[in-house]
Amino acid sequence: MEKFIPYEKLSKREKRAQDRRGRTLWTRSPVTRRTENPRAYDRRKARRLPPDGGEALRAF
C-alpha cells in the first residue's frame, strides 16, 4: 500500500500525473469556477429597471 502524501506536498510531476488520471475519469472539472464578487459592479444588474419603469428614480 502506498503512503498517503497530501496533494500540496507532491512534486510537480506527480501532481500533473494525478491531474491527468483524474481528468480521464472527469473527477475534476477542467473548467475554473470562481464565485462572483458581490461588491463588484455588474452591468447586467445596472441595466434592469424596477417594474414601474424607473419613475421612482427620476423623481429625485
N, C-alpha and C. Protein backbone atom coordinates (compact mmCIF):
# COMPACT_ATOMS: atom_id res chain seq x y z
N MET A 1 0.84 -1.18 0.00
CA MET A 1 0.00 0.00 0.00
C MET A 1 0.88 1.24 0.00
N GLU A 2 0.50 2.22 -0.84
CA GLU A 2 1.30 3.45 -0.93
C GLU A 2 1.03 4.35 0.26
N LYS A 3 2.05 5.07 0.64
CA LYS A 3 1.92 6.02 1.74
C LYS A 3 1.18 7.25 1.23
N PHE A 4 0.22 7.75 2.02
CA PHE A 4 -0.55 8.92 1.61
C PHE A 4 0.30 10.18 1.76
N ILE A 5 0.35 10.97 0.70
CA ILE A 5 1.04 12.26 0.72
C ILE A 5 0.03 13.30 0.28
N PRO A 6 -0.17 14.38 1.04
CA PRO A 6 -1.13 15.41 0.64
C PRO A 6 -0.78 15.99 -0.72
N TYR A 7 -1.80 16.37 -1.47
CA TYR A 7 -1.63 16.89 -2.83
C TYR A 7 -0.67 18.08 -2.85
N GLU A 8 -0.77 18.96 -1.86
CA GLU A 8 0.06 20.17 -1.82
C GLU A 8 1.55 19.85 -1.70
N LYS A 9 1.87 18.69 -1.11
CA LYS A 9 3.26 18.33 -0.89
C LYS A 9 3.85 17.46 -2.00
N LEU A 10 3.04 17.09 -2.98
CA LEU A 10 3.55 16.27 -4.08
C LEU A 10 4.47 17.08 -4.99
N SER A 11 5.33 16.39 -5.71
CA SER A 11 6.19 17.07 -6.66
C SER A 11 5.34 17.53 -7.85
N LYS A 12 5.87 18.45 -8.62
CA LYS A 12 5.15 18.98 -9.77
C LYS A 12 4.79 17.87 -10.75
N ARG A 13 5.72 16.96 -10.98
CA ARG A 13 5.49 15.86 -11.92
C ARG A 13 4.37 14.94 -11.42
N GLU A 14 4.39 14.64 -10.12
CA GLU A 14 3.36 13.75 -9.55
C GLU A 14 1.99 14.42 -9.55
N LYS A 15 1.95 15.75 -9.29
CA LYS A 15 0.67 16.48 -9.35
C LYS A 15 0.08 16.39 -10.74
N ARG A 16 0.92 16.60 -11.77
CA ARG A 16 0.44 16.52 -13.15
C ARG A 16 -0.09 15.13 -13.47
N ALA A 17 0.61 14.11 -12.98
CA ALA A 17 0.17 12.73 -13.23
C ALA A 17 -1.18 12.47 -12.57
N GLN A 18 -1.36 12.92 -11.34
CA GLN A 18 -2.64 12.73 -10.66
C GLN A 18 -3.75 13.50 -11.36
N ASP A 19 -3.45 14.73 -11.80
CA ASP A 19 -4.45 15.52 -12.51
C ASP A 19 -4.88 14.83 -13.80
N ARG A 20 -3.90 14.28 -14.53
CA ARG A 20 -4.22 13.57 -15.77
C ARG A 20 -5.12 12.37 -15.51
N ARG A 21 -4.80 11.62 -14.46
CA ARG A 21 -5.63 10.46 -14.11
C ARG A 21 -7.04 10.90 -13.74
N GLY A 22 -7.15 11.98 -13.01
CA GLY A 22 -8.47 12.47 -12.60
C GLY A 22 -9.29 12.98 -13.76
N ARG A 23 -8.65 13.58 -14.75
CA ARG A 23 -9.38 14.12 -15.90
C ARG A 23 -9.90 13.04 -16.82
N THR A 24 -9.22 11.89 -16.88
CA THR A 24 -9.71 10.83 -17.76
C THR A 24 -11.04 10.29 -17.23
N LEU A 25 -11.25 10.35 -15.93
CA LEU A 25 -12.50 9.89 -15.33
C LEU A 25 -13.43 11.06 -15.04
N TRP A 26 -13.00 12.27 -15.31
CA TRP A 26 -13.75 13.51 -15.06
C TRP A 26 -14.14 13.63 -13.60
N THR A 27 -13.22 13.25 -12.70
CA THR A 27 -13.48 13.50 -11.29
C THR A 27 -13.17 14.95 -10.95
N ARG A 28 -12.32 15.59 -11.77
CA ARG A 28 -12.03 17.02 -11.61
C ARG A 28 -12.44 17.71 -12.90
N SER A 29 -13.17 18.78 -12.77
CA SER A 29 -13.58 19.54 -13.94
C SER A 29 -12.42 20.40 -14.43
N PRO A 30 -12.16 20.43 -15.74
CA PRO A 30 -11.06 21.26 -16.25
C PRO A 30 -11.41 22.74 -16.28
N VAL A 31 -12.66 23.08 -16.01
CA VAL A 31 -13.10 24.47 -16.07
C VAL A 31 -12.87 25.13 -14.71
N THR A 32 -12.23 26.28 -14.72
CA THR A 32 -12.02 27.02 -13.48
C THR A 32 -13.31 27.75 -13.13
N ARG A 33 -13.76 27.57 -11.92
CA ARG A 33 -15.00 28.22 -11.48
C ARG A 33 -14.69 29.10 -10.27
N ARG A 34 -15.18 30.33 -10.34
CA ARG A 34 -14.97 31.24 -9.22
C ARG A 34 -16.32 31.81 -8.81
N THR A 35 -16.45 32.14 -7.54
CA THR A 35 -17.68 32.79 -7.09
C THR A 35 -17.61 34.25 -7.50
N GLU A 36 -18.77 34.84 -7.76
CA GLU A 36 -18.79 36.24 -8.14
C GLU A 36 -18.50 37.12 -6.93
N ASN A 37 -17.80 38.21 -7.17
CA ASN A 37 -17.52 39.17 -6.11
C ASN A 37 -18.79 39.98 -5.89
N PRO A 38 -19.42 39.92 -4.72
CA PRO A 38 -20.68 40.63 -4.51
C PRO A 38 -20.52 42.15 -4.52
N ARG A 39 -19.31 42.66 -4.31
CA ARG A 39 -19.10 44.11 -4.29
C ARG A 39 -18.72 44.67 -5.65
N ALA A 40 -18.48 43.80 -6.62
CA ALA A 40 -18.06 44.26 -7.95
C ALA A 40 -19.24 44.81 -8.73
N TYR A 41 -18.98 45.78 -9.58
CA TYR A 41 -20.01 46.36 -10.43
C TYR A 41 -20.41 45.35 -11.50
N ASP A 42 -21.71 45.18 -11.68
CA ASP A 42 -22.22 44.24 -12.68
C ASP A 42 -23.12 45.00 -13.64
N ARG A 43 -22.72 45.10 -14.89
CA ARG A 43 -23.51 45.85 -15.88
C ARG A 43 -24.89 45.26 -16.07
N ARG A 44 -25.00 43.94 -16.00
CA ARG A 44 -26.32 43.31 -16.21
C ARG A 44 -27.31 43.73 -15.13
N LYS A 45 -26.85 43.86 -13.89
CA LYS A 45 -27.74 44.29 -12.82
C LYS A 45 -28.10 45.76 -12.97
N ALA A 46 -27.16 46.57 -13.41
CA ALA A 46 -27.39 48.00 -13.53
C ALA A 46 -28.40 48.32 -14.62
N ARG A 47 -28.53 47.47 -15.62
CA ARG A 47 -29.43 47.71 -16.75
C ARG A 47 -30.89 47.48 -16.38
N ARG A 48 -31.15 46.64 -15.37
CA ARG A 48 -32.52 46.32 -15.00
C ARG A 48 -33.22 47.51 -14.37
N LEU A 49 -34.44 47.76 -14.78
CA LEU A 49 -35.24 48.82 -14.20
C LEU A 49 -36.32 48.22 -13.32
N PRO A 50 -36.79 48.97 -12.33
CA PRO A 50 -37.88 48.48 -11.49
C PRO A 50 -39.16 48.34 -12.32
N PRO A 51 -40.17 47.62 -11.81
CA PRO A 51 -41.40 47.39 -12.57
C PRO A 51 -42.15 48.66 -12.97
N ASP A 52 -41.95 49.76 -12.23
CA ASP A 52 -42.66 50.99 -12.58
C ASP A 52 -41.98 51.75 -13.71
N GLY A 53 -40.97 51.20 -14.29
CA GLY A 53 -40.29 51.84 -15.42
C GLY A 53 -39.26 52.85 -15.00
N GLY A 54 -38.93 52.92 -13.72
CA GLY A 54 -37.91 53.83 -13.26
C GLY A 54 -38.44 55.20 -12.87
N GLU A 55 -39.72 55.34 -12.76
CA GLU A 55 -40.33 56.63 -12.38
C GLU A 55 -39.87 57.07 -11.01
N ALA A 56 -39.72 56.13 -10.09
CA ALA A 56 -39.32 56.47 -8.73
C ALA A 56 -37.89 57.02 -8.73
N LEU A 57 -37.07 56.54 -9.65
CA LEU A 57 -35.70 57.01 -9.72
C LEU A 57 -35.62 58.43 -10.30
N ARG A 58 -36.52 58.74 -11.19
CA ARG A 58 -36.50 60.07 -11.85
C ARG A 58 -37.11 61.17 -10.99
N ALA A 59 -37.80 60.81 -9.89
CA ALA A 59 -38.47 61.79 -9.04
C ALA A 59 -37.47 62.67 -8.29
N PHE A 60 -36.27 62.17 -8.10
CA PHE A 60 -35.29 62.95 -7.33
C PHE A 60 -34.62 63.92 -8.19
